[in-house]
């Protein structure tokens, strides 16, 4: 049964992409420049795993269609597309549903490059995208400790939880 008066809603998002040689690697709306042996995420759009997971968390919180249904990876208009467009569209749907950002918590899973030097820049960029204070954006990074495709630097992933509050 739908209850449009729910005071809070929670959404969970996840995304992963294979890594390949080259760069830059776009995460959280910023390009992470690396040495000549750097990596980039392979995907139809800009392959920003953090923003893709954020988009799905926002959409999931309001029980909307997921990112793949709204922005299919076989649609030419999405080739190389900036993932900030996906976040903006999801945020508009959140607003239209009568909610606003409470806070988000996110984790990037990557063996390399090291994310720590870029966390504050990503938090600030996401806060701007969401029109919320940076203090509402929790962000951390974890390595794969040499385990599975993340630990072997073959892939990168992100998980995001968002809490929405009724306006």
C-alpha atoms as a PDB file:
ATOM      1  CA  UNK A   1       0.000   0.000   0.000  1.00  0.00           C
ATOM      2  CA  UNK A   2       1.434   3.400  -0.983  1.00  0.00           C
ATOM      3  CA  UNK A   3       1.755   5.945   1.795  1.00  0.00           C
ATOM      4  CA  UNK A   4       2.704   9.326   0.323  1.00  0.00           C
ATOM      5  CA  UNK A   5       3.044  10.750   3.845  1.00  0.00           C
ATOM      6  CA  UNK A   6       6.121   8.714   4.800  1.00  0.00           C
ATOM      7  CA  UNK A   7       8.461  11.134   6.580  1.00  0.00           C
ATOM      8  CA  UNK A   8      11.655   9.323   5.468  1.00  0.00           C
ATOM      9  CA  UNK A   9      12.711   7.045   2.655  1.00  0.00           C
ATOM     10  CA  UNK A  10      15.964   5.112   2.253  1.00  0.00           C
ATOM     11  CA  UNK A  11      17.601   4.014  -0.990  1.00  0.00           C
ATOM     12  CA  UNK A  12      20.543   1.752  -1.775  1.00  0.00           C
ATOM     13  CA  UNK A  13      22.649   1.982  -4.924  1.00  0.00           C
ATOM     14  CA  UNK A  14      25.492  -0.122  -6.294  1.00  0.00           C
ATOM     15  CA  UNK A  15      27.567   0.000  -9.456  1.00  0.00           C
ATOM     16  CA  UNK A  16      30.758  -1.548 -10.801  1.00  0.00           C
ATOM     17  CA  UNK A  17      32.847  -1.195 -13.948  1.00  0.00           C
ATOM     18  CA  UNK A  18      35.804  -2.957 -15.447  1.00  0.00           C
ATOM     19  CA  UNK A  19      39.055  -0.989 -15.519  1.00  0.00           C
ATOM     20  CA  UNK A  20      41.289  -0.588 -18.553  1.00  0.00           C
ATOM     21  CA  UNK A  21      44.490   1.237 -19.406  1.00  0.00           C
ATOM     22  CA  UNK A  22      44.399   4.979 -19.968  1.00  0.00           C
ATOM     23  CA  UNK A  23      42.626   7.717 -18.169  1.00  0.00           C
ATOM     24  CA  UNK A  24      41.403   9.822 -16.683  1.00  0.00           C
ATOM     25  CA  UNK A  25      39.322   7.960 -14.160  1.00  0.00           C
ATOM     26  CA  UNK A  26      36.113   9.878 -13.367  1.00  0.00           C
ATOM     27  CA  UNK A  27      34.782   9.277  -9.865  1.00  0.00           C
ATOM     28  CA  UNK A  28      32.343  11.446  -7.947  1.00  0.00           C
ATOM     29  CA  UNK A  29      32.221  13.968 -10.761  1.00  0.00           C
ATOM     30  CA  UNK A  30      35.954  14.654 -10.812  1.00  0.00           C
ATOM     31  CA  UNK A  31      38.731  13.363 -13.035  1.00  0.00           C
ATOM     32  CA  UNK A  32      41.502  11.603 -11.164  1.00  0.00           C
ATOM     33  CA  UNK A  33      44.682  12.143 -13.126  1.00  0.00           C
ATOM     34  CA  UNK A  34      47.215   9.349 -12.835  1.00  0.00           C
ATOM     35  CA  UNK A  35      50.664   8.405 -14.091  1.00  0.00           C
ATOM     36  CA  UNK A  36      50.973   7.203 -17.689  1.00  0.00           C
ATOM     37  CA  UNK A  37      50.116   3.660 -16.557  1.00  0.00           C
ATOM     38  CA  UNK A  38      46.789   4.859 -15.104  1.00  0.00           C
ATOM     39  CA  UNK A  39      43.360   3.329 -15.586  1.00  0.00           C
ATOM     40  CA  UNK A  40      39.884   4.392 -16.610  1.00  0.00           C
ATOM     41  CA  UNK A  41      36.515   2.788 -16.035  1.00  0.00           C
ATOM     42  CA  UNK A  42      35.011   1.115 -19.087  1.00  0.00           C
ATOM     43  CA  UNK A  43      31.389   1.974 -19.742  1.00  0.00           C
ATOM     44  CA  UNK A  44      28.870   3.418 -22.173  1.00  0.00           C
ATOM     45  CA  UNK A  45      28.632   6.763 -20.358  1.00  0.00           C
ATOM     46  CA  UNK A  46      31.551   8.333 -18.473  1.00  0.00           C
ATOM     47  CA  UNK A  47      31.436   5.203 -16.215  1.00  0.00           C
ATOM     48  CA  UNK A  48      31.446   7.160 -12.947  1.00  0.00           C
ATOM     49  CA  UNK A  49      30.605   4.310 -10.555  1.00  0.00           C
ATOM     50  CA  UNK A  50      29.996   6.595  -7.607  1.00  0.00           C
ATOM     51  CA  UNK A  51      27.484   8.786  -9.431  1.00  0.00           C
ATOM     52  CA  UNK A  52      25.785   5.732 -10.956  1.00  0.00           C
ATOM     53  CA  UNK A  53      25.357   4.200  -7.489  1.00  0.00           C
ATOM     54  CA  UNK A  54      24.130   7.562  -6.162  1.00  0.00           C
ATOM     55  CA  UNK A  55      21.595   7.801  -8.987  1.00  0.00           C
ATOM     56  CA  UNK A  56      20.248   4.333  -8.195  1.00  0.00           C
ATOM     57  CA  UNK A  57      20.098   5.105  -4.467  1.00  0.00           C
ATOM     58  CA  UNK A  58      18.044   8.249  -5.142  1.00  0.00           C
ATOM     59  CA  UNK A  59      15.734   6.418  -7.537  1.00  0.00           C
ATOM     60  CA  UNK A  60      15.386   3.420  -5.251  1.00  0.00           C
ATOM     61  CA  UNK A  61      14.414   5.595  -2.295  1.00  0.00           C
ATOM     62  CA  UNK A  62      11.308   6.752  -4.170  1.00  0.00           C
ATOM     63  CA  UNK A  63      10.701   3.330  -5.774  1.00  0.00           C
ATOM     64  CA  UNK A  64      11.347   4.695  -9.284  1.00  0.00           C
ATOM     65  CA  UNK A  65      12.856   2.845 -12.246  1.00  0.00           C
ATOM     66  CA  UNK A  66      16.603   2.261 -11.981  1.00  0.00           C
ATOM     67  CA  UNK A  67      19.374   3.986 -13.914  1.00  0.00           C
ATOM     68  CA  UNK A  68      19.536   1.229 -16.534  1.00  0.00           C
ATOM     69  CA  UNK A  69      15.876   1.630 -17.428  1.00  0.00           C
ATOM     70  CA  UNK A  70      15.970   5.437 -17.459  1.00  0.00           C
ATOM     71  CA  UNK A  71      19.333   5.745 -19.248  1.00  0.00           C
ATOM     72  CA  UNK A  72      19.897   2.489 -21.186  1.00  0.00           C
ATOM     73  CA  UNK A  73      23.471   1.641 -22.104  1.00  0.00           C
ATOM     74  CA  UNK A  74      22.420   0.834 -25.658  1.00  0.00           C
ATOM     75  CA  UNK A  75      21.027   4.335 -26.277  1.00  0.00           C
ATOM     76  CA  UNK A  76      23.328   6.460 -28.406  1.00  0.00           C
ATOM     77  CA  UNK A  77      22.409   9.643 -26.500  1.00  0.00           C
ATOM     78  CA  UNK A  78      23.998   8.103 -23.397  1.00  0.00           C
ATOM     79  CA  UNK A  79      27.350   7.301 -25.043  1.00  0.00           C
ATOM     80  CA  UNK A  80      30.034   9.223 -23.140  1.00  0.00           C
ATOM     81  CA  UNK A  81      27.335  11.097 -21.222  1.00  0.00           C
ATOM     82  CA  UNK A  82      28.284  12.952 -18.050  1.00  0.00           C
ATOM     83  CA  UNK A  83      26.868  11.033 -15.088  1.00  0.00           C
ATOM     84  CA  UNK A  84      25.982  14.307 -13.389  1.00  0.00           C
ATOM     85  CA  UNK A  85      23.047  14.355 -15.844  1.00  0.00           C
ATOM     86  CA  UNK A  86      21.805  11.093 -14.308  1.00  0.00           C
ATOM     87  CA  UNK A  87      22.092  12.477 -10.768  1.00  0.00           C
ATOM     88  CA  UNK A  88      20.241  15.664 -11.792  1.00  0.00           C
ATOM     89  CA  UNK A  89      17.387  13.668 -13.330  1.00  0.00           C
ATOM     90  CA  UNK A  90      17.115  11.425 -10.251  1.00  0.00           C
ATOM     91  CA  UNK A  91      17.208  14.425  -7.925  1.00  0.00           C
ATOM     92  CA  UNK A  92      14.392  16.047  -9.910  1.00  0.00           C
ATOM     93  CA  UNK A  93      12.307  12.889  -9.481  1.00  0.00           C
ATOM     94  CA  UNK A  94      13.053  12.952  -5.740  1.00  0.00           C
ATOM     95  CA  UNK A  95      11.922  16.575  -5.538  1.00  0.00           C
ATOM     96  CA  UNK A  96       8.811  15.878  -7.635  1.00  0.00           C
ATOM     97  CA  UNK A  97       7.939  13.082  -5.188  1.00  0.00           C
ATOM     98  CA  UNK A  98       8.066  15.614  -2.336  1.00  0.00           C
ATOM     99  CA  UNK A  99      11.409  14.683  -0.778  1.00  0.00           C
ATOM    100  CA  UNK A 100      14.797  16.256  -0.189  1.00  0.00           C
ATOM    101  CA  UNK A 101      18.219  14.903   0.733  1.00  0.00           C
ATOM    102  CA  UNK A 102      18.735  14.065   4.387  1.00  0.00           C
ATOM    103  CA  UNK A 103      22.169  12.542   3.989  1.00  0.00           C
ATOM    104  CA  UNK A 104      24.114  10.020   1.964  1.00  0.00           C
ATOM    105  CA  UNK A 105      26.800   7.557   2.906  1.00  0.00           C
ATOM    106  CA  UNK A 106      29.008   6.048   0.239  1.00  0.00           C
ATOM    107  CA  UNK A 107      32.015   3.817  -0.185  1.00  0.00           C
ATOM    108  CA  UNK A 108      34.268   3.483  -3.236  1.00  0.00           C
ATOM    109  CA  UNK A 109      35.899   0.071  -3.667  1.00  0.00           C
ATOM    110  CA  UNK A 110      39.191   0.395  -5.561  1.00  0.00           C
ATOM    111  CA  UNK A 111      42.657  -1.054  -5.183  1.00  0.00           C
ATOM    112  CA  UNK A 112      44.217   1.796  -7.121  1.00  0.00           C
ATOM    113  CA  UNK A 113      44.521   4.626  -7.642  1.00  0.00           C
ATOM    114  CA  UNK A 114      44.332   5.738  -4.043  1.00  0.00           C
ATOM    115  CA  UNK A 115      41.110   7.647  -3.425  1.00  0.00           C
ATOM    116  CA  UNK A 116      42.005   9.338  -0.114  1.00  0.00           C
ATOM    117  CA  UNK A 117      43.597  12.414  -1.724  1.00  0.00           C
ATOM    118  CA  UNK A 118      40.387  13.018  -3.703  1.00  0.00           C
ATOM    119  CA  UNK A 119      37.681  12.319  -1.108  1.00  0.00           C
ATOM    120  CA  UNK A 120      37.150  15.950  -0.059  1.00  0.00           C
ATOM    121  CA  UNK A 121      36.902  17.123  -3.678  1.00  0.00           C
ATOM    122  CA  UNK A 122      34.372  14.389  -4.449  1.00  0.00           C
ATOM    123  CA  UNK A 123      32.320  15.197  -1.337  1.00  0.00           C
ATOM    124  CA  UNK A 124      32.258  18.875  -2.261  1.00  0.00           C
ATOM    125  CA  UNK A 125      31.263  18.118  -5.866  1.00  0.00           C
ATOM    126  CA  UNK A 126      28.460  15.755  -4.795  1.00  0.00           C
ATOM    127  CA  UNK A 127      27.183  18.284  -2.236  1.00  0.00           C
ATOM    128  CA  UNK A 128      26.961  20.874  -5.023  1.00  0.00           C
ATOM    129  CA  UNK A 129      25.098  18.406  -7.267  1.00  0.00           C
ATOM    130  CA  UNK A 130      22.633  17.594  -4.484  1.00  0.00           C
ATOM    131  CA  UNK A 131      22.323  21.193  -3.191  1.00  0.00           C
ATOM    132  CA  UNK A 132      23.142  20.035   0.318  1.00  0.00           C
ATOM    133  CA  UNK A 133      25.982  20.745   2.747  1.00  0.00           C
ATOM    134  CA  UNK A 134      29.136  18.664   2.379  1.00  0.00           C
ATOM    135  CA  UNK A 135      28.528  17.532   5.971  1.00  0.00           C
ATOM    136  CA  UNK A 136      25.530  15.567   4.619  1.00  0.00           C
ATOM    137  CA  UNK A 137      27.797  13.530   2.323  1.00  0.00           C
ATOM    138  CA  UNK A 138      29.675  10.671   3.949  1.00  0.00           C
ATOM    139  CA  UNK A 139      32.353   9.224   1.659  1.00  0.00           C
ATOM    140  CA  UNK A 140      35.158   6.773   2.170  1.00  0.00           C
ATOM    141  CA  UNK A 141      37.211   4.362   0.110  1.00  0.00           C
ATOM    142  CA  UNK A 142      38.356   0.800   0.666  1.00  0.00           C
ATOM    143  CA  UNK A 143      40.867  -1.315  -1.195  1.00  0.00           C
ATOM    144  CA  UNK A 144      40.205  -4.885  -2.214  1.00  0.00           C
ATOM    145  CA  UNK A 145      43.163  -6.153  -0.155  1.00  0.00           C
ATOM    146  CA  UNK A 146      44.263  -8.154  -3.187  1.00  0.00           C
ATOM    147  CA  UNK A 147      40.974 -10.111  -3.264  1.00  0.00           C
ATOM    148  CA  UNK A 148      38.823 -10.604  -6.384  1.00  0.00           C
ATOM    149  CA  UNK A 149      38.675  -8.284  -9.388  1.00  0.00           C
ATOM    150  CA  UNK A 150      38.768  -5.130  -7.244  1.00  0.00           C
ATOM    151  CA  UNK A 151      41.857  -6.293  -5.376  1.00  0.00           C
ATOM    152  CA  UNK A 152      43.563  -7.170  -8.666  1.00  0.00           C
ATOM    153  CA  UNK A 153      42.741  -3.653 -10.013  1.00  0.00           C
ATOM    154  CA  UNK A 154      40.543  -5.147 -12.743  1.00  0.00           C
ATOM    155  CA  UNK A 155      37.399  -3.347 -11.567  1.00  0.00           C
ATOM    156  CA  UNK A 156      36.051  -0.542  -9.417  1.00  0.00           C
ATOM    157  CA  UNK A 157      32.754  -0.356  -7.531  1.00  0.00           C
ATOM    158  CA  UNK A 158      30.697   1.925  -5.305  1.00  0.00           C
ATOM    159  CA  UNK A 159      27.893   1.515  -2.807  1.00  0.00           C
ATOM    160  CA  UNK A 160      25.640   4.370  -1.708  1.00  0.00           C
ATOM    161  CA  UNK A 161      22.867   4.695   0.844  1.00  0.00           C
ATOM    162  CA  UNK A 162      20.670   7.782   0.820  1.00  0.00           C
ATOM    163  CA  UNK A 163      18.116   9.011   3.339  1.00  0.00           C
ATOM    164  CA  UNK A 164      15.419  11.302   2.028  1.00  0.00           C
ATOM    165  CA  UNK A 165      13.173  13.489   4.170  1.00  0.00           C
ATOM    166  CA  UNK A 166       9.729  14.732   3.274  1.00  0.00           C
ATOM    167  CA  UNK A 167       9.859  18.440   2.357  1.00  0.00           C
END
